[in-house]
Amino acid sequence: MLEQSETYRTCLLAYNCQARLQRGRRLGSVQTQPGAYRKPTTVGTHLMNRRHFIAAAGATAVLSILAGCKTEPKGEKFIGHWFSDNGRYPPTLVHIERNKDTFLFTETAWNNFGKVGYRSNTVPATLNGADNILVVGDSKHIAYKEADDEIVSDNLKARRITEAEYQAAISRQ
């Protein structure tokens, strides 16, 4: 009887060892191939290491997506206050602002007909197929010259000014 219990104990130990090896292979903690010991490919055993890795991977993914997106909408270079002085008449002031998908083009210019003085006229404007052309009132085409930071059309050549300069010029009129 003594020998039988020793045999039984040996078999039980062998079974437990085999079961532990199989469980370890499934979970990745035991090396399945013969040879030098290799650590399992995990981020770490500590939970905080995994959290930091997941947070860093998520932040990297979001930043790479944002880096590929152009944040400036089309036509932003036209938006602002413009000043045109051709020397012949008092200066013309232009204000371009966004109106959802289109623009509002407000031109304050000297008027010689009827009641003489400055008149403001606001018309809608849209971008042409090209990014550098603004179509005002379906007839007037205005181009943006990036080198000089000015807008140009047939009868208008205006440079960009600040809002304070624009308000000062409007109030002088």
C-alpha atoms as a PDB file:
ATOM      1  CA  MET A   1       0.000   0.000   0.000  1.00  0.00           C
ATOM      2  CA  LEU A   2       2.868   2.318   0.705  1.00  0.00           C
ATOM      3  CA  GLU A   3       4.246   1.884  -2.769  1.00  0.00           C
ATOM      4  CA  GLN A   4       0.900   2.567  -4.325  1.00  0.00           C
ATOM      5  CA  SER A   5       0.512   5.901  -2.555  1.00  0.00           C
ATOM      6  CA  GLU A   6       4.002   6.942  -3.672  1.00  0.00           C
ATOM      7  CA  THR A   7       3.186   6.054  -7.255  1.00  0.00           C
ATOM      8  CA  TYR A   8      -0.078   7.880  -6.962  1.00  0.00           C
ATOM      9  CA  ARG A   9       1.710  10.955  -5.598  1.00  0.00           C
ATOM     10  CA  THR A  10       4.249  10.863  -8.437  1.00  0.00           C
ATOM     11  CA  CYS A  11       1.512  10.620 -11.051  1.00  0.00           C
ATOM     12  CA  LEU A  12      -0.405  13.458  -9.428  1.00  0.00           C
ATOM     13  CA  LEU A  13       2.689  15.665  -9.412  1.00  0.00           C
ATOM     14  CA  ALA A  14       3.382  14.831 -13.057  1.00  0.00           C
ATOM     15  CA  TYR A  15      -0.229  15.616 -13.999  1.00  0.00           C
ATOM     16  CA  ASN A  16      -0.196  18.937 -12.125  1.00  0.00           C
ATOM     17  CA  CYS A  17       3.106  19.862 -13.731  1.00  0.00           C
ATOM     18  CA  GLN A  18       1.768  19.042 -17.203  1.00  0.00           C
ATOM     19  CA  ALA A  19      -1.452  20.968 -16.552  1.00  0.00           C
ATOM     20  CA  ARG A  20       0.548  23.958 -15.313  1.00  0.00           C
ATOM     21  CA  LEU A  21       2.703  23.873 -18.475  1.00  0.00           C
ATOM     22  CA  GLN A  22      -0.316  23.743 -20.753  1.00  0.00           C
ATOM     23  CA  ARG A  23      -1.987  26.621 -18.905  1.00  0.00           C
ATOM     24  CA  GLY A  24       1.266  28.596 -19.081  1.00  0.00           C
ATOM     25  CA  ARG A  25       1.541  28.022 -22.828  1.00  0.00           C
ATOM     26  CA  ARG A  26      -2.013  29.237 -23.367  1.00  0.00           C
ATOM     27  CA  LEU A  27      -1.451  32.354 -21.281  1.00  0.00           C
ATOM     28  CA  GLY A  28       1.979  33.121 -22.747  1.00  0.00           C
ATOM     29  CA  SER A  29       3.977  32.817 -19.556  1.00  0.00           C
ATOM     30  CA  VAL A  30       5.740  29.566 -20.516  1.00  0.00           C
ATOM     31  CA  GLN A  31       7.990  29.207 -23.526  1.00  0.00           C
ATOM     32  CA  THR A  32       6.568  26.702 -26.018  1.00  0.00           C
ATOM     33  CA  GLN A  33       9.674  26.102 -28.171  1.00  0.00           C
ATOM     34  CA  PRO A  34      12.882  24.513 -26.915  1.00  0.00           C
ATOM     35  CA  GLY A  35      15.897  26.789 -26.632  1.00  0.00           C
ATOM     36  CA  ALA A  36      16.909  29.859 -24.692  1.00  0.00           C
ATOM     37  CA  TYR A  37      14.239  31.387 -22.484  1.00  0.00           C
ATOM     38  CA  ARG A  38      12.317  34.238 -24.076  1.00  0.00           C
ATOM     39  CA  LYS A  39      10.160  36.740 -22.222  1.00  0.00           C
ATOM     40  CA  PRO A  40       6.564  36.926 -23.422  1.00  0.00           C
ATOM     41  CA  THR A  41       5.744  39.935 -25.578  1.00  0.00           C
ATOM     42  CA  THR A  42       3.725  42.076 -23.214  1.00  0.00           C
ATOM     43  CA  VAL A  43       3.856  45.733 -22.367  1.00  0.00           C
ATOM     44  CA  GLY A  44       4.593  44.929 -18.783  1.00  0.00           C
ATOM     45  CA  THR A  45       3.220  43.077 -15.875  1.00  0.00           C
ATOM     46  CA  HIS A  46       2.330  46.179 -13.924  1.00  0.00           C
ATOM     47  CA  LEU A  47      -1.109  47.592 -14.683  1.00  0.00           C
ATOM     48  CA  MET A  48       0.074  51.244 -14.763  1.00  0.00           C
ATOM     49  CA  ASN A  49       2.626  50.412 -17.476  1.00  0.00           C
ATOM     50  CA  ARG A  50      -0.186  49.121 -19.668  1.00  0.00           C
ATOM     51  CA  ARG A  51      -2.309  52.196 -19.001  1.00  0.00           C
ATOM     52  CA  HIS A  52       0.550  54.513 -19.926  1.00  0.00           C
ATOM     53  CA  PHE A  53       1.187  52.535 -23.090  1.00  0.00           C
ATOM     54  CA  ILE A  54      -2.481  52.625 -24.117  1.00  0.00           C
ATOM     55  CA  ALA A  55      -2.714  56.367 -23.391  1.00  0.00           C
ATOM     56  CA  ALA A  56       0.472  57.076 -25.365  1.00  0.00           C
ATOM     57  CA  ALA A  57      -0.692  54.943 -28.299  1.00  0.00           C
ATOM     58  CA  GLY A  58      -4.073  56.691 -28.330  1.00  0.00           C
ATOM     59  CA  ALA A  59      -2.498  60.145 -28.188  1.00  0.00           C
ATOM     60  CA  THR A  60      -0.134  59.235 -31.019  1.00  0.00           C
ATOM     61  CA  ALA A  61      -3.038  58.049 -33.164  1.00  0.00           C
ATOM     62  CA  VAL A  62      -5.055  61.225 -32.546  1.00  0.00           C
ATOM     63  CA  LEU A  63      -2.077  63.484 -33.249  1.00  0.00           C
ATOM     64  CA  SER A  64      -1.241  61.674 -36.478  1.00  0.00           C
ATOM     65  CA  ILE A  65      -4.828  62.074 -37.650  1.00  0.00           C
ATOM     66  CA  LEU A  66      -4.844  65.772 -36.765  1.00  0.00           C
ATOM     67  CA  ALA A  67      -1.470  66.355 -38.405  1.00  0.00           C
ATOM     68  CA  GLY A  68      -2.851  65.094 -41.698  1.00  0.00           C
ATOM     69  CA  CYS A  69      -5.826  67.455 -41.598  1.00  0.00           C
ATOM     70  CA  LYS A  70      -5.514  70.988 -42.835  1.00  0.00           C
ATOM     71  CA  THR A  71      -7.125  73.128 -40.164  1.00  0.00           C
ATOM     72  CA  GLU A  72      -7.536  76.342 -42.140  1.00  0.00           C
ATOM     73  CA  PRO A  73     -10.756  76.389 -44.195  1.00  0.00           C
ATOM     74  CA  LYS A  74     -10.620  77.587 -47.775  1.00  0.00           C
ATOM     75  CA  GLY A  75     -10.761  81.329 -48.274  1.00  0.00           C
ATOM     76  CA  GLU A  76      -9.482  82.328 -44.832  1.00  0.00           C
ATOM     77  CA  LYS A  77      -6.817  84.499 -46.438  1.00  0.00           C
ATOM     78  CA  PHE A  78      -9.517  86.839 -47.831  1.00  0.00           C
ATOM     79  CA  ILE A  79     -11.119  87.480 -44.444  1.00  0.00           C
ATOM     80  CA  GLY A  80     -10.132  90.779 -42.888  1.00  0.00           C
ATOM     81  CA  HIS A  81      -9.973  94.531 -43.451  1.00  0.00           C
ATOM     82  CA  TRP A  82      -8.441  96.036 -46.575  1.00  0.00           C
ATOM     83  CA  PHE A  83      -7.390  99.558 -47.587  1.00  0.00           C
ATOM     84  CA  SER A  84      -7.104 100.810 -51.171  1.00  0.00           C
ATOM     85  CA  ASP A  85      -5.719 104.241 -52.009  1.00  0.00           C
ATOM     86  CA  ASN A  86      -5.437 104.971 -55.721  1.00  0.00           C
ATOM     87  CA  GLY A  87      -4.759 108.672 -55.098  1.00  0.00           C
ATOM     88  CA  ARG A  88      -7.565 109.957 -57.287  1.00  0.00           C
ATOM     89  CA  TYR A  89     -10.425 109.723 -54.811  1.00  0.00           C
ATOM     90  CA  PRO A  90     -10.530 109.276 -51.067  1.00  0.00           C
ATOM     91  CA  PRO A  91      -9.477 105.725 -50.110  1.00  0.00           C
ATOM     92  CA  THR A  92     -11.729 102.693 -50.485  1.00  0.00           C
ATOM     93  CA  LEU A  93     -12.208 100.419 -47.486  1.00  0.00           C
ATOM     94  CA  VAL A  94     -13.127  96.757 -47.818  1.00  0.00           C
ATOM     95  CA  HIS A  95     -14.269  94.354 -45.127  1.00  0.00           C
ATOM     96  CA  ILE A  96     -14.597  90.642 -45.946  1.00  0.00           C
ATOM     97  CA  GLU A  97     -16.182  88.283 -43.414  1.00  0.00           C
ATOM     98  CA  ARG A  98     -17.351  84.682 -43.435  1.00  0.00           C
ATOM     99  CA  ASN A  99     -21.069  83.935 -43.745  1.00  0.00           C
ATOM    100  CA  LYS A 100     -21.313  80.143 -43.220  1.00  0.00           C
ATOM    101  CA  ASP A 101     -20.005  78.687 -46.523  1.00  0.00           C
ATOM    102  CA  THR A 102     -19.881  82.033 -48.355  1.00  0.00           C
ATOM    103  CA  PHE A 103     -18.487  85.478 -47.629  1.00  0.00           C
ATOM    104  CA  LEU A 104     -19.878  88.985 -47.187  1.00  0.00           C
ATOM    105  CA  PHE A 105     -17.955  91.627 -49.110  1.00  0.00           C
ATOM    106  CA  THR A 106     -18.531  95.163 -47.778  1.00  0.00           C
ATOM    107  CA  GLU A 107     -17.015  97.988 -49.789  1.00  0.00           C
ATOM    108  CA  THR A 108     -17.062 101.531 -48.442  1.00  0.00           C
ATOM    109  CA  ALA A 109     -16.129 103.846 -51.303  1.00  0.00           C
ATOM    110  CA  TRP A 110     -16.459 107.441 -52.440  1.00  0.00           C
ATOM    111  CA  ASN A 111     -19.616 108.138 -54.458  1.00  0.00           C
ATOM    112  CA  ASN A 112     -19.718 111.018 -56.967  1.00  0.00           C
ATOM    113  CA  PHE A 113     -23.238 110.389 -58.265  1.00  0.00           C
ATOM    114  CA  GLY A 114     -26.383 111.680 -56.580  1.00  0.00           C
ATOM    115  CA  LYS A 115     -25.581 112.288 -52.981  1.00  0.00           C
ATOM    116  CA  VAL A 116     -21.804 112.829 -52.889  1.00  0.00           C
ATOM    117  CA  GLY A 117     -19.911 111.078 -50.101  1.00  0.00           C
ATOM    118  CA  TYR A 118     -18.989 107.648 -48.816  1.00  0.00           C
ATOM    119  CA  ARG A 119     -21.372 104.735 -49.435  1.00  0.00           C
ATOM    120  CA  SER A 120     -21.193 101.204 -48.093  1.00  0.00           C
ATOM    121  CA  ASN A 121     -22.334  98.340 -50.266  1.00  0.00           C
ATOM    122  CA  THR A 122     -22.512  94.724 -49.063  1.00  0.00           C
ATOM    123  CA  VAL A 123     -22.742  91.831 -51.511  1.00  0.00           C
ATOM    124  CA  PRO A 124     -22.300  88.067 -51.153  1.00  0.00           C
ATOM    125  CA  ALA A 125     -19.111  86.473 -52.414  1.00  0.00           C
ATOM    126  CA  THR A 126     -18.065  82.892 -53.088  1.00  0.00           C
ATOM    127  CA  LEU A 127     -14.815  81.121 -53.809  1.00  0.00           C
ATOM    128  CA  ASN A 128     -14.135  80.188 -57.396  1.00  0.00           C
ATOM    129  CA  GLY A 129     -12.820  76.708 -58.178  1.00  0.00           C
ATOM    130  CA  ALA A 130      -9.336  78.063 -57.466  1.00  0.00           C
ATOM    131  CA  ASP A 131      -8.457  78.847 -53.865  1.00  0.00           C
ATOM    132  CA  ASN A 132      -7.049  82.298 -54.723  1.00  0.00           C
ATOM    133  CA  ILE A 133     -10.094  83.748 -56.546  1.00  0.00           C
ATOM    134  CA  LEU A 134     -13.092  85.308 -54.793  1.00  0.00           C
ATOM    135  CA  VAL A 135     -16.164  86.014 -56.950  1.00  0.00           C
ATOM    136  CA  VAL A 136     -18.085  89.033 -55.648  1.00  0.00           C
ATOM    137  CA  GLY A 137     -21.681  89.454 -56.762  1.00  0.00           C
ATOM    138  CA  ASP A 138     -21.312  86.899 -59.608  1.00  0.00           C
ATOM    139  CA  SER A 139     -19.318  89.365 -61.721  1.00  0.00           C
ATOM    140  CA  LYS A 140     -16.248  90.802 -59.993  1.00  0.00           C
ATOM    141  CA  HIS A 141     -13.235  88.487 -59.572  1.00  0.00           C
ATOM    142  CA  ILE A 142     -10.770  89.305 -56.811  1.00  0.00           C
ATOM    143  CA  ALA A 143      -7.411  87.538 -56.576  1.00  0.00           C
ATOM    144  CA  TYR A 144      -5.199  87.232 -53.521  1.00  0.00           C
ATOM    145  CA  LYS A 145      -1.479  87.962 -53.937  1.00  0.00           C
ATOM    146  CA  GLU A 146       0.264  86.071 -51.178  1.00  0.00           C
ATOM    147  CA  ALA A 147       3.683  87.683 -51.683  1.00  0.00           C
ATOM    148  CA  ASP A 148       2.364  91.210 -51.011  1.00  0.00           C
ATOM    149  CA  ASP A 149      -0.627  90.235 -48.814  1.00  0.00           C
ATOM    150  CA  GLU A 150      -3.053  92.201 -50.960  1.00  0.00           C
ATOM    151  CA  ILE A 151      -6.213  91.642 -52.984  1.00  0.00           C
ATOM    152  CA  VAL A 152      -6.352  92.693 -56.627  1.00  0.00           C
ATOM    153  CA  SER A 153      -9.096  93.058 -59.242  1.00  0.00           C
ATOM    154  CA  ASP A 154      -9.638  95.184 -62.383  1.00  0.00           C
ATOM    155  CA  ASN A 155     -10.130  98.450 -60.506  1.00  0.00           C
ATOM    156  CA  LEU A 156      -9.075  97.571 -56.931  1.00  0.00           C
ATOM    157  CA  LYS A 157      -5.701  96.967 -55.327  1.00  0.00           C
ATOM    158  CA  ALA A 158      -5.932  96.834 -51.532  1.00  0.00           C
ATOM    159  CA  ARG A 159      -3.516  96.013 -48.731  1.00  0.00           C
ATOM    160  CA  ARG A 160      -4.464  94.403 -45.426  1.00  0.00           C
ATOM    161  CA  ILE A 161      -4.980  96.653 -42.383  1.00  0.00           C
ATOM    162  CA  THR A 162      -5.905  95.993 -38.781  1.00  0.00           C
ATOM    163  CA  GLU A 163      -9.417  96.338 -37.421  1.00  0.00           C
ATOM    164  CA  ALA A 164      -8.365  99.391 -35.385  1.00  0.00           C
ATOM    165  CA  GLU A 165      -7.085 101.129 -38.538  1.00  0.00           C
ATOM    166  CA  TYR A 166     -10.316 100.203 -40.328  1.00  0.00           C
ATOM    167  CA  GLN A 167     -12.487 101.621 -37.515  1.00  0.00           C
ATOM    168  CA  ALA A 168     -10.401 104.799 -37.409  1.00  0.00           C
ATOM    169  CA  ALA A 169     -10.767 105.295 -41.170  1.00  0.00           C
ATOM    170  CA  ILE A 170     -14.547 104.669 -41.021  1.00  0.00           C
ATOM    171  CA  SER A 171     -14.987 107.159 -38.185  1.00  0.00           C
ATOM    172  CA  ARG A 172     -13.053 109.883 -40.076  1.00  0.00           C
ATOM    173  CA  GLN A 173     -15.489 109.687 -42.929  1.00  0.00           C
END
